[in-house]
């Protein structure tokens, strides 16, 4: 197998000084990604709760979850759930 060549278009080698200088910027990005991950998890959980409520016939809970999700995104419509 041949030796892999370094692709400068893909990555950059940082000096310690350069790396230290970008740490605050990276921290901001990482925190935003962490916040977005938490939001996605909450949406997933609300969607699963709505689906579980529908499966066991808990229409009040299903509607509550659907209303919550619709408030977050008015264009959102769950499968088989028409909204006026």
Protein backbone atom coordinates (compact mmCIF):
# COMPACT_ATOMS: atom_id res chain seq x y z
CA UNK A 1 0.00 0.00 0.00
CA UNK A 2 1.38 3.41 -0.96
CA UNK A 3 2.11 6.23 1.42
CA UNK A 4 -0.75 8.66 1.96
CA UNK A 5 -0.06 12.19 0.94
CA UNK A 6 -1.06 15.24 2.95
CA UNK A 7 -3.97 17.13 1.36
CA UNK A 8 -3.64 20.82 2.19
CA UNK A 9 -7.16 21.54 0.90
CA UNK A 10 -8.68 19.36 3.62
CA UNK A 11 -6.93 20.46 6.77
CA UNK A 12 -4.53 22.95 8.22
CA UNK A 13 -1.64 22.46 10.59
CA UNK A 14 -1.75 25.02 13.41
CA UNK A 15 1.14 26.25 15.46
CA UNK A 16 0.50 26.24 19.20
CA UNK A 17 0.04 30.00 19.14
CA UNK A 18 -2.46 29.82 16.26
CA UNK A 19 -4.33 26.99 17.94
CA UNK A 20 -4.55 28.89 21.22
CA UNK A 21 -5.84 31.95 19.37
CA UNK A 22 -8.82 30.11 17.87
CA UNK A 23 -9.90 28.29 21.04
CA UNK A 24 -12.41 31.03 22.03
CA UNK A 25 -13.99 30.92 18.56
CA UNK A 26 -14.21 27.14 18.67
CA UNK A 27 -15.75 27.27 22.15
CA UNK A 28 -18.57 29.46 20.81
CA UNK A 29 -19.23 27.05 17.94
CA UNK A 30 -19.13 24.00 20.21
CA UNK A 31 -21.60 25.61 22.65
CA UNK A 32 -24.00 26.44 19.79
CA UNK A 33 -23.78 22.87 18.51
CA UNK A 34 -24.45 21.59 22.04
CA UNK A 35 -27.54 23.82 22.28
CA UNK A 36 -28.79 22.69 18.88
CA UNK A 37 -28.27 19.05 19.86
CA UNK A 38 -30.40 19.58 22.96
CA UNK A 39 -33.15 21.15 20.82
CA UNK A 40 -33.09 18.26 18.36
CA UNK A 41 -33.32 15.75 21.21
CA UNK A 42 -36.32 17.60 22.68
CA UNK A 43 -38.05 17.61 19.29
CA UNK A 44 -37.32 13.92 18.82
CA UNK A 45 -38.75 13.16 22.24
CA UNK A 46 -41.91 15.19 21.57
CA UNK A 47 -42.37 13.42 18.24
CA UNK A 48 -41.93 10.00 19.84
CA UNK A 49 -44.33 10.89 22.63
CA UNK A 50 -46.94 11.96 20.05
CA UNK A 51 -46.45 8.72 18.13
CA UNK A 52 -46.71 6.61 21.30
CA UNK A 53 -49.84 8.47 22.41
CA UNK A 54 -51.42 7.84 19.00
CA UNK A 55 -50.51 4.15 19.17
CA UNK A 56 -52.32 3.67 22.50
CA UNK A 57 -55.26 5.91 21.68
CA UNK A 58 -54.37 8.83 23.95
CA UNK A 59 -55.80 11.43 21.59
CA UNK A 60 -55.56 14.33 24.06
CA UNK A 61 -51.82 13.73 24.55
CA UNK A 62 -51.29 13.19 20.82
CA UNK A 63 -53.02 16.50 20.05
CA UNK A 64 -51.06 18.31 22.77
CA UNK A 65 -47.76 17.10 21.32
CA UNK A 66 -48.86 17.84 17.76
CA UNK A 67 -49.89 21.36 18.78
CA UNK A 68 -46.53 21.91 20.50
CA UNK A 69 -44.60 20.74 17.43
CA UNK A 70 -46.82 22.81 15.13
CA UNK A 71 -46.13 25.93 17.25
CA UNK A 72 -42.41 25.39 16.74
CA UNK A 73 -42.86 25.00 12.98
CA UNK A 74 -46.22 26.06 11.53
CA UNK A 75 -45.41 24.23 8.28
CA UNK A 76 -45.02 20.94 10.17
CA UNK A 77 -47.78 18.38 9.73
CA UNK A 78 -47.38 14.88 11.08
CA UNK A 79 -48.18 12.03 8.69
CA UNK A 80 -51.92 11.39 8.57
CA UNK A 81 -52.69 14.58 10.51
CA UNK A 82 -54.24 17.31 8.36
CA UNK A 83 -54.17 20.82 9.73
CA UNK A 84 -56.33 23.67 8.58
